[in-house]
């Protein structure tokens, strides 16, 4: 009936990023838009 709230998605990615940094599994803050960057840069190689 209603879509997920956009800000909820961003907040959850931020919270996951912070938790993973505290656990030492990743070394930087990540955002949802970085997936778009990853797709673009990888496809441009081929």
ModelCIF file with pLDDT and N, C-alpha, C, O atoms, coordinates in Angstrom:
data_MODEL
#
_entry.id   MODEL 
#
_entity.id                         1 
_entity.type                       polymer 
_entity.pdbx_number_of_molecules   1 
#
_entity_poly.entity_id                      1 
_entity_poly.type                           'polypeptide(L)' 
_entity_poly.nstd_linkage                   no 
_entity_poly.nstd_monomer                   no 
_entity_poly.pdbx_seq_one_letter_code       
;(UNK)(UNK)(UNK)(UNK)(UNK)(UNK)(UNK)(UNK)(UNK)(UNK)(UNK)(UNK)(UNK)(UNK)(UNK)(UNK)
(UNK)(UNK)(UNK)(UNK)(UNK)(UNK)(UNK)(UNK)(UNK)(UNK)(UNK)(UNK)(UNK)(UNK)(UNK)(UNK)
(UNK)(UNK)(UNK)(UNK)(UNK)(UNK)(UNK)(UNK)(UNK)(UNK)(UNK)(UNK)(UNK)(UNK)
;
_entity_poly.pdbx_seq_one_letter_code_can   XXXXXXXXXXXXXXXXXXXXXXXXXXXXXXXXXXXXXXXXXXXXXX 
_entity_poly.pdbx_strand_id                 A 
#
loop_
_entity_poly_seq.entity_id 
_entity_poly_seq.num 
_entity_poly_seq.mon_id 
_entity_poly_seq.hetero 
1 1  UNK n 
1 2  UNK n 
1 3  UNK n 
1 4  UNK n 
1 5  UNK n 
1 6  UNK n 
1 7  UNK n 
1 8  UNK n 
1 9  UNK n 
1 10 UNK n 
1 11 UNK n 
1 12 UNK n 
1 13 UNK n 
1 14 UNK n 
1 15 UNK n 
1 16 UNK n 
1 17 UNK n 
1 18 UNK n 
1 19 UNK n 
1 20 UNK n 
1 21 UNK n 
1 22 UNK n 
1 23 UNK n 
1 24 UNK n 
1 25 UNK n 
1 26 UNK n 
1 27 UNK n 
1 28 UNK n 
1 29 UNK n 
1 30 UNK n 
1 31 UNK n 
1 32 UNK n 
1 33 UNK n 
1 34 UNK n 
1 35 UNK n 
1 36 UNK n 
1 37 UNK n 
1 38 UNK n 
1 39 UNK n 
1 40 UNK n 
1 41 UNK n 
1 42 UNK n 
1 43 UNK n 
1 44 UNK n 
1 45 UNK n 
1 46 UNK n 
#
_struct_asym.id          A 
_struct_asym.entity_id   1 
#
loop_
_ma_qa_metric.id 
_ma_qa_metric.mode 
_ma_qa_metric.name 
_ma_qa_metric.software_group_id 
_ma_qa_metric.type 
1 global pLDDT . pLDDT 
2 local  pLDDT . pLDDT 
#
_ma_qa_metric_global.metric_id      1 
_ma_qa_metric_global.metric_value   92.15 
_ma_qa_metric_global.model_id       1 
_ma_qa_metric_global.ordinal_id     1 
#
loop_
_ma_qa_metric_local.label_asym_id 
_ma_qa_metric_local.label_comp_id 
_ma_qa_metric_local.label_seq_id 
_ma_qa_metric_local.metric_id 
_ma_qa_metric_local.metric_value 
_ma_qa_metric_local.model_id 
_ma_qa_metric_local.ordinal_id 
A UNK 1  2 87.00 1 1  
A UNK 2  2 89.00 1 2  
A UNK 3  2 93.00 1 3  
A UNK 4  2 93.00 1 4  
A UNK 5  2 92.00 1 5  
A UNK 6  2 90.00 1 6  
A UNK 7  2 89.00 1 7  
A UNK 8  2 93.00 1 8  
A UNK 9  2 95.00 1 9  
A UNK 10 2 92.00 1 10 
A UNK 11 2 93.00 1 11 
A UNK 12 2 95.00 1 12 
A UNK 13 2 95.00 1 13 
A UNK 14 2 93.00 1 14 
A UNK 15 2 95.00 1 15 
A UNK 16 2 96.00 1 16 
A UNK 17 2 95.00 1 17 
A UNK 18 2 94.00 1 18 
A UNK 19 2 95.00 1 19 
A UNK 20 2 96.00 1 20 
A UNK 21 2 95.00 1 21 
A UNK 22 2 95.00 1 22 
A UNK 23 2 95.00 1 23 
A UNK 24 2 95.00 1 24 
A UNK 25 2 95.00 1 25 
A UNK 26 2 94.00 1 26 
A UNK 27 2 92.00 1 27 
A UNK 28 2 91.00 1 28 
A UNK 29 2 91.00 1 29 
A UNK 30 2 92.00 1 30 
A UNK 31 2 91.00 1 31 
A UNK 32 2 93.00 1 32 
A UNK 33 2 90.00 1 33 
A UNK 34 2 92.00 1 34 
A UNK 35 2 94.00 1 35 
A UNK 36 2 92.00 1 36 
A UNK 37 2 90.00 1 37 
A UNK 38 2 91.00 1 38 
A UNK 39 2 92.00 1 39 
A UNK 40 2 90.00 1 40 
A UNK 41 2 88.00 1 41 
A UNK 42 2 88.00 1 42 
A UNK 43 2 91.00 1 43 
A UNK 44 2 88.00 1 44 
A UNK 45 2 86.00 1 45 
A UNK 46 2 88.00 1 46 
#
loop_
_atom_site.group_PDB 
_atom_site.id 
_atom_site.type_symbol 
_atom_site.label_atom_id 
_atom_site.label_alt_id 
_atom_site.label_comp_id 
_atom_site.label_asym_id 
_atom_site.label_entity_id 
_atom_site.label_seq_id 
_atom_site.pdbx_PDB_ins_code 
_atom_site.Cartn_x 
_atom_site.Cartn_y 
_atom_site.Cartn_z 
_atom_site.occupancy 
_atom_site.B_iso_or_equiv 
_atom_site.pdbx_formal_charge 
_atom_site.auth_seq_id 
_atom_site.auth_comp_id 
_atom_site.auth_asym_id 
_atom_site.auth_atom_id 
_atom_site.pdbx_PDB_model_num 
ATOM 1   N N  . UNK A 1 1  ? 0.816  -1.219 0.000   1.00 87.00 ? 1  UNK A N  1 
ATOM 2   C CA . UNK A 1 1  ? 0.000  0.000  0.000   1.00 87.00 ? 1  UNK A CA 1 
ATOM 3   C C  . UNK A 1 1  ? 0.845  1.264  0.000   1.00 87.00 ? 1  UNK A C  1 
ATOM 4   O O  . UNK A 1 1  ? 0.528  2.229  -0.695  1.00 87.00 ? 1  UNK A O  1 
ATOM 5   N N  . UNK A 1 2  ? 1.915  1.259  0.776   1.00 89.00 ? 2  UNK A N  1 
ATOM 6   C CA . UNK A 1 2  ? 2.795  2.428  0.859   1.00 89.00 ? 2  UNK A CA 1 
ATOM 7   C C  . UNK A 1 2  ? 4.247  1.961  0.728   1.00 89.00 ? 2  UNK A C  1 
ATOM 8   O O  . UNK A 1 2  ? 4.595  0.878  1.198   1.00 89.00 ? 2  UNK A O  1 
ATOM 9   N N  . UNK A 1 3  ? 5.090  2.772  0.093   1.00 93.00 ? 3  UNK A N  1 
ATOM 10  C CA . UNK A 1 3  ? 6.494  2.364  -0.059  1.00 93.00 ? 3  UNK A CA 1 
ATOM 11  C C  . UNK A 1 3  ? 7.279  2.569  1.232   1.00 93.00 ? 3  UNK A C  1 
ATOM 12  O O  . UNK A 1 3  ? 6.856  3.306  2.123   1.00 93.00 ? 3  UNK A O  1 
ATOM 13  N N  . UNK A 1 4  ? 8.415  1.913  1.315   1.00 93.00 ? 4  UNK A N  1 
ATOM 14  C CA . UNK A 1 4  ? 9.359  2.186  2.395   1.00 93.00 ? 4  UNK A CA 1 
ATOM 15  C C  . UNK A 1 4  ? 9.726  3.668  2.355   1.00 93.00 ? 4  UNK A C  1 
ATOM 16  O O  . UNK A 1 4  ? 9.858  4.242  1.274   1.00 93.00 ? 4  UNK A O  1 
ATOM 17  N N  . UNK A 1 5  ? 9.886  4.276  3.491   1.00 92.00 ? 5  UNK A N  1 
ATOM 18  C CA . UNK A 1 5  ? 10.258 5.690  3.524   1.00 92.00 ? 5  UNK A CA 1 
ATOM 19  C C  . UNK A 1 5  ? 11.726 5.836  3.121   1.00 92.00 ? 5  UNK A C  1 
ATOM 20  O O  . UNK A 1 5  ? 12.582 5.149  3.678   1.00 92.00 ? 5  UNK A O  1 
ATOM 21  N N  . UNK A 1 6  ? 12.032 6.716  2.166   1.00 90.00 ? 6  UNK A N  1 
ATOM 22  C CA . UNK A 1 6  ? 13.416 6.869  1.704   1.00 90.00 ? 6  UNK A CA 1 
ATOM 23  C C  . UNK A 1 6  ? 14.410 7.139  2.834   1.00 90.00 ? 6  UNK A C  1 
ATOM 24  O O  . UNK A 1 6  ? 15.511 6.589  2.846   1.00 90.00 ? 6  UNK A O  1 
ATOM 25  N N  . UNK A 1 7  ? 14.015 7.985  3.778   1.00 89.00 ? 7  UNK A N  1 
ATOM 26  C CA . UNK A 1 7  ? 14.935 8.310  4.863   1.00 89.00 ? 7  UNK A CA 1 
ATOM 27  C C  . UNK A 1 7  ? 15.213 7.103  5.757   1.00 89.00 ? 7  UNK A C  1 
ATOM 28  O O  . UNK A 1 7  ? 16.286 7.003  6.351   1.00 89.00 ? 7  UNK A O  1 
ATOM 29  N N  . UNK A 1 8  ? 14.246 6.188  5.854   1.00 93.00 ? 8  UNK A N  1 
ATOM 30  C CA . UNK A 1 8  ? 14.465 4.992  6.656   1.00 93.00 ? 8  UNK A CA 1 
ATOM 31  C C  . UNK A 1 8  ? 15.597 4.158  6.047   1.00 93.00 ? 8  UNK A C  1 
ATOM 32  O O  . UNK A 1 8  ? 16.452 3.632  6.760   1.00 93.00 ? 8  UNK A O  1 
ATOM 33  N N  . UNK A 1 9  ? 15.586 4.050  4.726   1.00 95.00 ? 9  UNK A N  1 
ATOM 34  C CA . UNK A 1 9  ? 16.641 3.289  4.067   1.00 95.00 ? 9  UNK A CA 1 
ATOM 35  C C  . UNK A 1 9  ? 18.007 3.914  4.342   1.00 95.00 ? 9  UNK A C  1 
ATOM 36  O O  . UNK A 1 9  ? 18.958 3.212  4.686   1.00 95.00 ? 9  UNK A O  1 
ATOM 37  N N  . UNK A 1 10 ? 18.100 5.231  4.191   1.00 92.00 ? 10 UNK A N  1 
ATOM 38  C CA . UNK A 1 10 ? 19.372 5.916  4.417   1.00 92.00 ? 10 UNK A CA 1 
ATOM 39  C C  . UNK A 1 10 ? 19.830 5.768  5.865   1.00 92.00 ? 10 UNK A C  1 
ATOM 40  O O  . UNK A 1 10 ? 21.008 5.527  6.129   1.00 92.00 ? 10 UNK A O  1 
ATOM 41  N N  . UNK A 1 11 ? 18.895 5.915  6.797   1.00 93.00 ? 11 UNK A N  1 
ATOM 42  C CA . UNK A 1 11 ? 19.237 5.799  8.228   1.00 93.00 ? 11 UNK A CA 1 
ATOM 43  C C  . UNK A 1 11 ? 19.749 4.400  8.542   1.00 93.00 ? 11 UNK A C  1 
ATOM 44  O O  . UNK A 1 11 ? 20.715 4.244  9.288   1.00 93.00 ? 11 UNK A O  1 
ATOM 45  N N  . UNK A 1 12 ? 19.102 3.377  7.973   1.00 95.00 ? 12 UNK A N  1 
ATOM 46  C CA . UNK A 1 12 ? 19.517 2.012  8.273   1.00 95.00 ? 12 UNK A CA 1 
ATOM 47  C C  . UNK A 1 12 ? 20.890 1.697  7.676   1.00 95.00 ? 12 UNK A C  1 
ATOM 48  O O  . UNK A 1 12 ? 21.671 0.965  8.283   1.00 95.00 ? 12 UNK A O  1 
ATOM 49  N N  . UNK A 1 13 ? 21.188 2.236  6.503   1.00 95.00 ? 13 UNK A N  1 
ATOM 50  C CA . UNK A 1 13 ? 22.526 2.057  5.927   1.00 95.00 ? 13 UNK A CA 1 
ATOM 51  C C  . UNK A 1 13 ? 23.560 2.764  6.809   1.00 95.00 ? 13 UNK A C  1 
ATOM 52  O O  . UNK A 1 13 ? 24.645 2.235  7.049   1.00 95.00 ? 13 UNK A O  1 
ATOM 53  N N  . UNK A 1 14 ? 23.216 3.959  7.285   1.00 93.00 ? 14 UNK A N  1 
ATOM 54  C CA . UNK A 1 14 ? 24.127 4.708  8.160   1.00 93.00 ? 14 UNK A CA 1 
ATOM 55  C C  . UNK A 1 14 ? 24.384 3.949  9.457   1.00 93.00 ? 14 UNK A C  1 
ATOM 56  O O  . UNK A 1 14 ? 25.526 3.843  9.905   1.00 93.00 ? 14 UNK A O  1 
ATOM 57  N N  . UNK A 1 15 ? 23.315 3.420  10.061  1.00 95.00 ? 15 UNK A N  1 
ATOM 58  C CA . UNK A 1 15 ? 23.468 2.668  11.303  1.00 95.00 ? 15 UNK A CA 1 
ATOM 59  C C  . UNK A 1 15 ? 24.305 1.405  11.092  1.00 95.00 ? 15 UNK A C  1 
ATOM 60  O O  . UNK A 1 15 ? 25.154 1.069  11.916  1.00 95.00 ? 15 UNK A O  1 
ATOM 61  N N  . UNK A 1 16 ? 24.056 0.712  9.982   1.00 96.00 ? 16 UNK A N  1 
ATOM 62  C CA . UNK A 1 16 ? 24.827 -0.495 9.680   1.00 96.00 ? 16 UNK A CA 1 
ATOM 63  C C  . UNK A 1 16 ? 26.301 -0.146 9.462   1.00 96.00 ? 16 UNK A C  1 
ATOM 64  O O  . UNK A 1 16 ? 27.190 -0.861 9.924   1.00 96.00 ? 16 UNK A O  1 
ATOM 65  N N  . UNK A 1 17 ? 26.549 0.953  8.758   1.00 95.00 ? 17 UNK A N  1 
ATOM 66  C CA . UNK A 1 17 ? 27.914 1.395  8.500   1.00 95.00 ? 17 UNK A CA 1 
ATOM 67  C C  . UNK A 1 17 ? 28.648 1.696  9.805   1.00 95.00 ? 17 UNK A C  1 
ATOM 68  O O  . UNK A 1 17 ? 29.796 1.294  9.997   1.00 95.00 ? 17 UNK A O  1 
ATOM 69  N N  . UNK A 1 18 ? 27.964 2.409  10.694  1.00 94.00 ? 18 UNK A N  1 
ATOM 70  C CA . UNK A 1 18 ? 28.574 2.764  11.985  1.00 94.00 ? 18 UNK A CA 1 
ATOM 71  C C  . UNK A 1 18 ? 28.886 1.513  12.803  1.00 94.00 ? 18 UNK A C  1 
ATOM 72  O O  . UNK A 1 18 ? 29.961 1.400  13.393  1.00 94.00 ? 18 UNK A O  1 
ATOM 73  N N  . UNK A 1 19 ? 27.927 0.567  12.833  1.00 95.00 ? 19 UNK A N  1 
ATOM 74  C CA . UNK A 1 19 ? 28.134 -0.670 13.600  1.00 95.00 ? 19 UNK A CA 1 
ATOM 75  C C  . UNK A 1 19 ? 29.293 -1.482 13.035  1.00 95.00 ? 19 UNK A C  1 
ATOM 76  O O  . UNK A 1 19 ? 30.095 -2.034 13.789  1.00 95.00 ? 19 UNK A O  1 
ATOM 77  N N  . UNK A 1 20 ? 29.383 -1.557 11.712  1.00 96.00 ? 20 UNK A N  1 
ATOM 78  C CA . UNK A 1 20 ? 30.455 -2.325 11.075  1.00 96.00 ? 20 UNK A CA 1 
ATOM 79  C C  . UNK A 1 20 ? 31.828 -1.681 11.303  1.00 96.00 ? 20 UNK A C  1 
ATOM 80  O O  . UNK A 1 20 ? 32.839 -2.373 11.423  1.00 96.00 ? 20 UNK A O  1 
ATOM 81  N N  . UNK A 1 21 ? 31.845 -0.352 11.359  1.00 95.00 ? 21 UNK A N  1 
ATOM 82  C CA . UNK A 1 21 ? 33.098 0.340  11.655  1.00 95.00 ? 21 UNK A CA 1 
ATOM 83  C C  . UNK A 1 21 ? 33.549 0.044  13.086  1.00 95.00 ? 21 UNK A C  1 
ATOM 84  O O  . UNK A 1 21 ? 34.729 -0.194 13.341  1.00 95.00 ? 21 UNK A O  1 
ATOM 85  N N  . UNK A 1 22 ? 32.590 0.064  14.013  1.00 95.00 ? 22 UNK A N  1 
ATOM 86  C CA . UNK A 1 22 ? 32.919 -0.221 15.409  1.00 95.00 ? 22 UNK A CA 1 
ATOM 87  C C  . UNK A 1 22 ? 33.410 -1.654 15.587  1.00 95.00 ? 22 UNK A C  1 
ATOM 88  O O  . UNK A 1 22 ? 34.238 -1.933 16.454  1.00 95.00 ? 22 UNK A O  1 
ATOM 89  N N  . UNK A 1 23 ? 32.891 -2.558 14.759  1.00 95.00 ? 23 UNK A N  1 
ATOM 90  C CA . UNK A 1 23 ? 33.320 -3.959 14.817  1.00 95.00 ? 23 UNK A CA 1 
ATOM 91  C C  . UNK A 1 23 ? 34.627 -4.192 14.068  1.00 95.00 ? 23 UNK A C  1 
ATOM 92  O O  . UNK A 1 23 ? 35.192 -5.285 14.124  1.00 95.00 ? 23 UNK A O  1 
ATOM 93  N N  . UNK A 1 24 ? 35.102 -3.178 13.374  1.00 95.00 ? 24 UNK A N  1 
ATOM 94  C CA . UNK A 1 24 ? 36.355 -3.294 12.633  1.00 95.00 ? 24 UNK A CA 1 
ATOM 95  C C  . UNK A 1 24 ? 36.229 -4.042 11.320  1.00 95.00 ? 24 UNK A C  1 
ATOM 96  O O  . UNK A 1 24 ? 37.238 -4.473 10.762  1.00 95.00 ? 24 UNK A O  1 
ATOM 97  N N  . UNK A 1 25 ? 35.000 -4.210 10.808  1.00 95.00 ? 25 UNK A N  1 
ATOM 98  C CA . UNK A 1 25 ? 34.794 -4.953 9.564   1.00 95.00 ? 25 UNK A CA 1 
ATOM 99  C C  . UNK A 1 25 ? 34.922 -4.069 8.327   1.00 95.00 ? 25 UNK A C  1 
ATOM 100 O O  . UNK A 1 25 ? 35.284 -4.554 7.255   1.00 95.00 ? 25 UNK A O  1 
ATOM 101 N N  . UNK A 1 26 ? 34.628 -2.773 8.465   1.00 94.00 ? 26 UNK A N  1 
ATOM 102 C CA . UNK A 1 26 ? 34.871 -1.821 7.381   1.00 94.00 ? 26 UNK A CA 1 
ATOM 103 C C  . UNK A 1 26 ? 35.607 -0.624 7.973   1.00 94.00 ? 26 UNK A C  1 
ATOM 104 O O  . UNK A 1 26 ? 35.600 -0.431 9.189   1.00 94.00 ? 26 UNK A O  1 
ATOM 105 N N  . UNK A 1 27 ? 36.232 0.170  7.135   1.00 92.00 ? 27 UNK A N  1 
ATOM 106 C CA . UNK A 1 27 ? 37.090 1.260  7.633   1.00 92.00 ? 27 UNK A CA 1 
ATOM 107 C C  . UNK A 1 27 ? 36.560 2.653  7.335   1.00 92.00 ? 27 UNK A C  1 
ATOM 108 O O  . UNK A 1 27 ? 37.222 3.639  7.658   1.00 92.00 ? 27 UNK A O  1 
ATOM 109 N N  . UNK A 1 28 ? 35.378 2.762  6.725   1.00 91.00 ? 28 UNK A N  1 
ATOM 110 C CA . UNK A 1 28 ? 34.868 4.087  6.364   1.00 91.00 ? 28 UNK A CA 1 
ATOM 111 C C  . UNK A 1 28 ? 33.344 4.102  6.416   1.00 91.00 ? 28 UNK A C  1 
ATOM 112 O O  . UNK A 1 28 ? 32.697 3.059  6.502   1.00 91.00 ? 28 UNK A O  1 
ATOM 113 N N  . UNK A 1 29 ? 32.791 5.305  6.363   1.00 91.00 ? 29 UNK A N  1 
ATOM 114 C CA . UNK A 1 29 ? 31.337 5.467  6.324   1.00 91.00 ? 29 UNK A CA 1 
ATOM 115 C C  . UNK A 1 29 ? 30.851 5.253  4.891   1.00 91.00 ? 29 UNK A C  1 
ATOM 116 O O  . UNK A 1 29 ? 31.468 5.747  3.947   1.00 91.00 ? 29 UNK A O  1 
ATOM 117 N N  . UNK A 1 30 ? 29.753 4.520  4.725   1.00 92.00 ? 30 UNK A N  1 
ATOM 118 C CA . UNK A 1 30 ? 29.199 4.277  3.390   1.00 92.00 ? 30 UNK A CA 1 
ATOM 119 C C  . UNK A 1 30 ? 27.766 4.776  3.326   1.00 92.00 ? 30 UNK A C  1 
ATOM 120 O O  . UNK A 1 30 ? 27.083 4.858  4.347   1.00 92.00 ? 30 UNK A O  1 
ATOM 121 N N  . UNK A 1 31 ? 27.311 5.110  2.118   1.00 91.00 ? 31 UNK A N  1 
ATOM 122 C CA . UNK A 1 31 ? 25.961 5.630  1.894   1.00 91.00 ? 31 UNK A CA 1 
ATOM 123 C C  . UNK A 1 31 ? 25.282 4.849  0.777   1.00 91.00 ? 31 UNK A C  1 
ATOM 124 O O  . UNK A 1 31 ? 25.966 4.176  0.006   1.00 91.00 ? 31 UNK A O  1 
ATOM 125 N N  . UNK A 1 32 ? 23.936 4.919  0.664   1.00 93.00 ? 32 UNK A N  1 
ATOM 126 C CA . UNK A 1 32 ? 23.234 4.187  -0.401  1.00 93.00 ? 32 UNK A CA 1 
ATOM 127 C C  . UNK A 1 32 ? 23.683 4.567  -1.808  1.00 93.00 ? 32 UNK A C  1 
ATOM 128 O O  . UNK A 1 32 ? 23.727 3.715  -2.695  1.00 93.00 ? 32 UNK A O  1 
ATOM 129 N N  . UNK A 1 33 ? 24.018 5.843  -2.020  1.00 90.00 ? 33 UNK A N  1 
ATOM 130 C CA . UNK A 1 33 ? 24.370 6.292  -3.374  1.00 90.00 ? 33 UNK A CA 1 
ATOM 131 C C  . UNK A 1 33 ? 25.683 5.686  -3.857  1.00 90.00 ? 33 UNK A C  1 
ATOM 132 O O  . UNK A 1 33 ? 25.964 5.686  -5.055  1.00 90.00 ? 33 UNK A O  1 
ATOM 133 N N  . UNK A 1 34 ? 26.483 5.173  -2.937  1.00 92.00 ? 34 UNK A N  1 
ATOM 134 C CA . UNK A 1 34 ? 27.763 4.575  -3.312  1.00 92.00 ? 34 UNK A CA 1 
ATOM 135 C C  . UNK A 1 34 ? 27.570 3.287  -4.109  1.00 92.00 ? 34 UNK A C  1 
ATOM 136 O O  . UNK A 1 34 ? 28.478 2.866  -4.825  1.00 92.00 ? 34 UNK A O  1 
ATOM 137 N N  . UNK A 1 35 ? 26.389 2.651  -3.992  1.00 94.00 ? 35 UNK A N  1 
ATOM 138 C CA . UNK A 1 35 ? 26.097 1.493  -4.842  1.00 94.00 ? 35 UNK A CA 1 
ATOM 139 C C  . UNK A 1 35 ? 25.964 1.926  -6.298  1.00 94.00 ? 35 UNK A C  1 
ATOM 140 O O  . UNK A 1 35 ? 26.416 1.222  -7.202  1.00 94.00 ? 35 UNK A O  1 
ATOM 141 N N  . UNK A 1 36 ? 25.353 3.069  -6.523  1.00 92.00 ? 36 UNK A N  1 
ATOM 142 C CA . UNK A 1 36 ? 25.221 3.601  -7.884  1.00 92.00 ? 36 UNK A CA 1 
ATOM 143 C C  . UNK A 1 36 ? 26.603 3.895  -8.458  1.00 92.00 ? 36 UNK A C  1 
ATOM 144 O O  . UNK A 1 36 ? 26.870 3.599  -9.623  1.00 92.00 ? 36 UNK A O  1 
ATOM 145 N N  . UNK A 1 37 ? 27.478 4.474  -7.648  1.00 90.00 ? 37 UNK A N  1 
ATOM 146 C CA . UNK A 1 37 ? 28.845 4.739  -8.094  1.00 90.00 ? 37 UNK A CA 1 
ATOM 147 C C  . UNK A 1 37 ? 29.555 3.442  -8.474  1.00 90.00 ? 37 UNK A C  1 
ATOM 148 O O  . UNK A 1 37 ? 30.278 3.385  -9.468  1.00 90.00 ? 37 UNK A O  1 
ATOM 149 N N  . UNK A 1 38 ? 29.336 2.392  -7.661  1.00 91.00 ? 38 UNK A N  1 
ATOM 150 C CA . UNK A 1 38 ? 30.006 1.118  -7.920  1.00 91.00 ? 38 UNK A CA 1 
ATOM 151 C C  . UNK A 1 38 ? 29.554 0.519  -9.245  1.00 91.00 ? 38 UNK A C  1 
ATOM 152 O O  . UNK A 1 38 ? 30.377 0.039  -10.024 1.00 91.00 ? 38 UNK A O  1 
ATOM 153 N N  . UNK A 1 39 ? 28.245 0.546  -9.505  1.00 92.00 ? 39 UNK A N  1 
ATOM 154 C CA . UNK A 1 39 ? 27.717 0.003  -10.761 1.00 92.00 ? 39 UNK A CA 1 
ATOM 155 C C  . UNK A 1 39 ? 28.292 0.767  -11.951 1.00 92.00 ? 39 UNK A C  1 
ATOM 156 O O  . UNK A 1 39 ? 28.720 0.165  -12.936 1.00 92.00 ? 39 UNK A O  1 
ATOM 157 N N  . UNK A 1 40 ? 28.300 2.103  -11.854 1.00 90.00 ? 40 UNK A N  1 
ATOM 158 C CA . UNK A 1 40 ? 28.777 2.926  -12.971 1.00 90.00 ? 40 UNK A CA 1 
ATOM 159 C C  . UNK A 1 40 ? 30.253 2.678  -13.270 1.00 90.00 ? 40 UNK A C  1 
ATOM 160 O O  . UNK A 1 40 ? 30.623 2.441  -14.420 1.00 90.00 ? 40 UNK A O  1 
ATOM 161 N N  . UNK A 1 41 ? 31.091 2.731  -12.245 1.00 88.00 ? 41 UNK A N  1 
ATOM 162 C CA . UNK A 1 41 ? 32.531 2.586  -12.477 1.00 88.00 ? 41 UNK A CA 1 
ATOM 163 C C  . UNK A 1 41 ? 32.893 1.191  -12.987 1.00 88.00 ? 41 UNK A C  1 
ATOM 164 O O  . UNK A 1 41 ? 33.792 1.048  -13.816 1.00 88.00 ? 41 UNK A O  1 
ATOM 165 N N  . UNK A 1 42 ? 32.198 0.166  -12.497 1.00 88.00 ? 42 UNK A N  1 
ATOM 166 C CA . UNK A 1 42 ? 32.485 -1.197 -12.946 1.00 88.00 ? 42 UNK A CA 1 
ATOM 167 C C  . UNK A 1 42 ? 32.045 -1.428 -14.394 1.00 88.00 ? 42 UNK A C  1 
ATOM 168 O O  . UNK A 1 42 ? 32.770 -2.055 -15.166 1.00 88.00 ? 42 UNK A O  1 
ATOM 169 N N  . UNK A 1 43 ? 30.869 -0.931 -14.765 1.00 91.00 ? 43 UNK A N  1 
ATOM 170 C CA . UNK A 1 43 ? 30.384 -1.128 -16.130 1.00 91.00 ? 43 UNK A CA 1 
ATOM 171 C C  . UNK A 1 43 ? 31.223 -0.379 -17.153 1.00 91.00 ? 43 UNK A C  1 
ATOM 172 O O  . UNK A 1 43 ? 31.412 -0.853 -18.273 1.00 91.00 ? 43 UNK A O  1 
ATOM 173 N N  . UNK A 1 44 ? 31.733 0.799  -16.765 1.00 88.00 ? 44 UNK A N  1 
ATOM 174 C CA . UNK A 1 44 ? 32.523 1.591  -17.715 1.00 88.00 ? 44 UNK A CA 1 
ATOM 175 C C  . UNK A 1 44 ? 33.832 0.904  -18.101 1.00 88.00 ? 44 UNK A C  1 
ATOM 176 O O  . UNK A 1 44 ? 34.457 1.281  -19.092 1.00 88.00 ? 44 UNK A O  1 
ATOM 177 N N  . UNK A 1 45 ? 34.250 -0.095 -17.333 1.00 86.00 ? 45 UNK A N  1 
ATOM 178 C CA . UNK A 1 45 ? 35.474 -0.820 -17.667 1.00 86.00 ? 45 UNK A CA 1 
ATOM 179 C C  . UNK A 1 45 ? 35.299 -1.680 -18.915 1.00 86.00 ? 45 UNK A C  1 
ATOM 180 O O  . UNK A 1 45 ? 36.267 -1.955 -19.624 1.00 86.00 ? 45 UNK A O  1 
ATOM 181 N N  . UNK A 1 46 ? 34.059 -2.107 -19.183 1.00 88.00 ? 46 UNK A N  1 
ATOM 182 C CA . UNK A 1 46 ? 33.836 -3.032 -20.312 1.00 88.00 ? 46 UNK A CA 1 
ATOM 183 C C  . UNK A 1 46 ? 32.760 -2.565 -21.286 1.00 88.00 ? 46 UNK A C  1 
ATOM 184 O O  . UNK A 1 46 ? 32.480 -3.249 -22.271 1.00 88.00 ? 46 UNK A O  1 
#
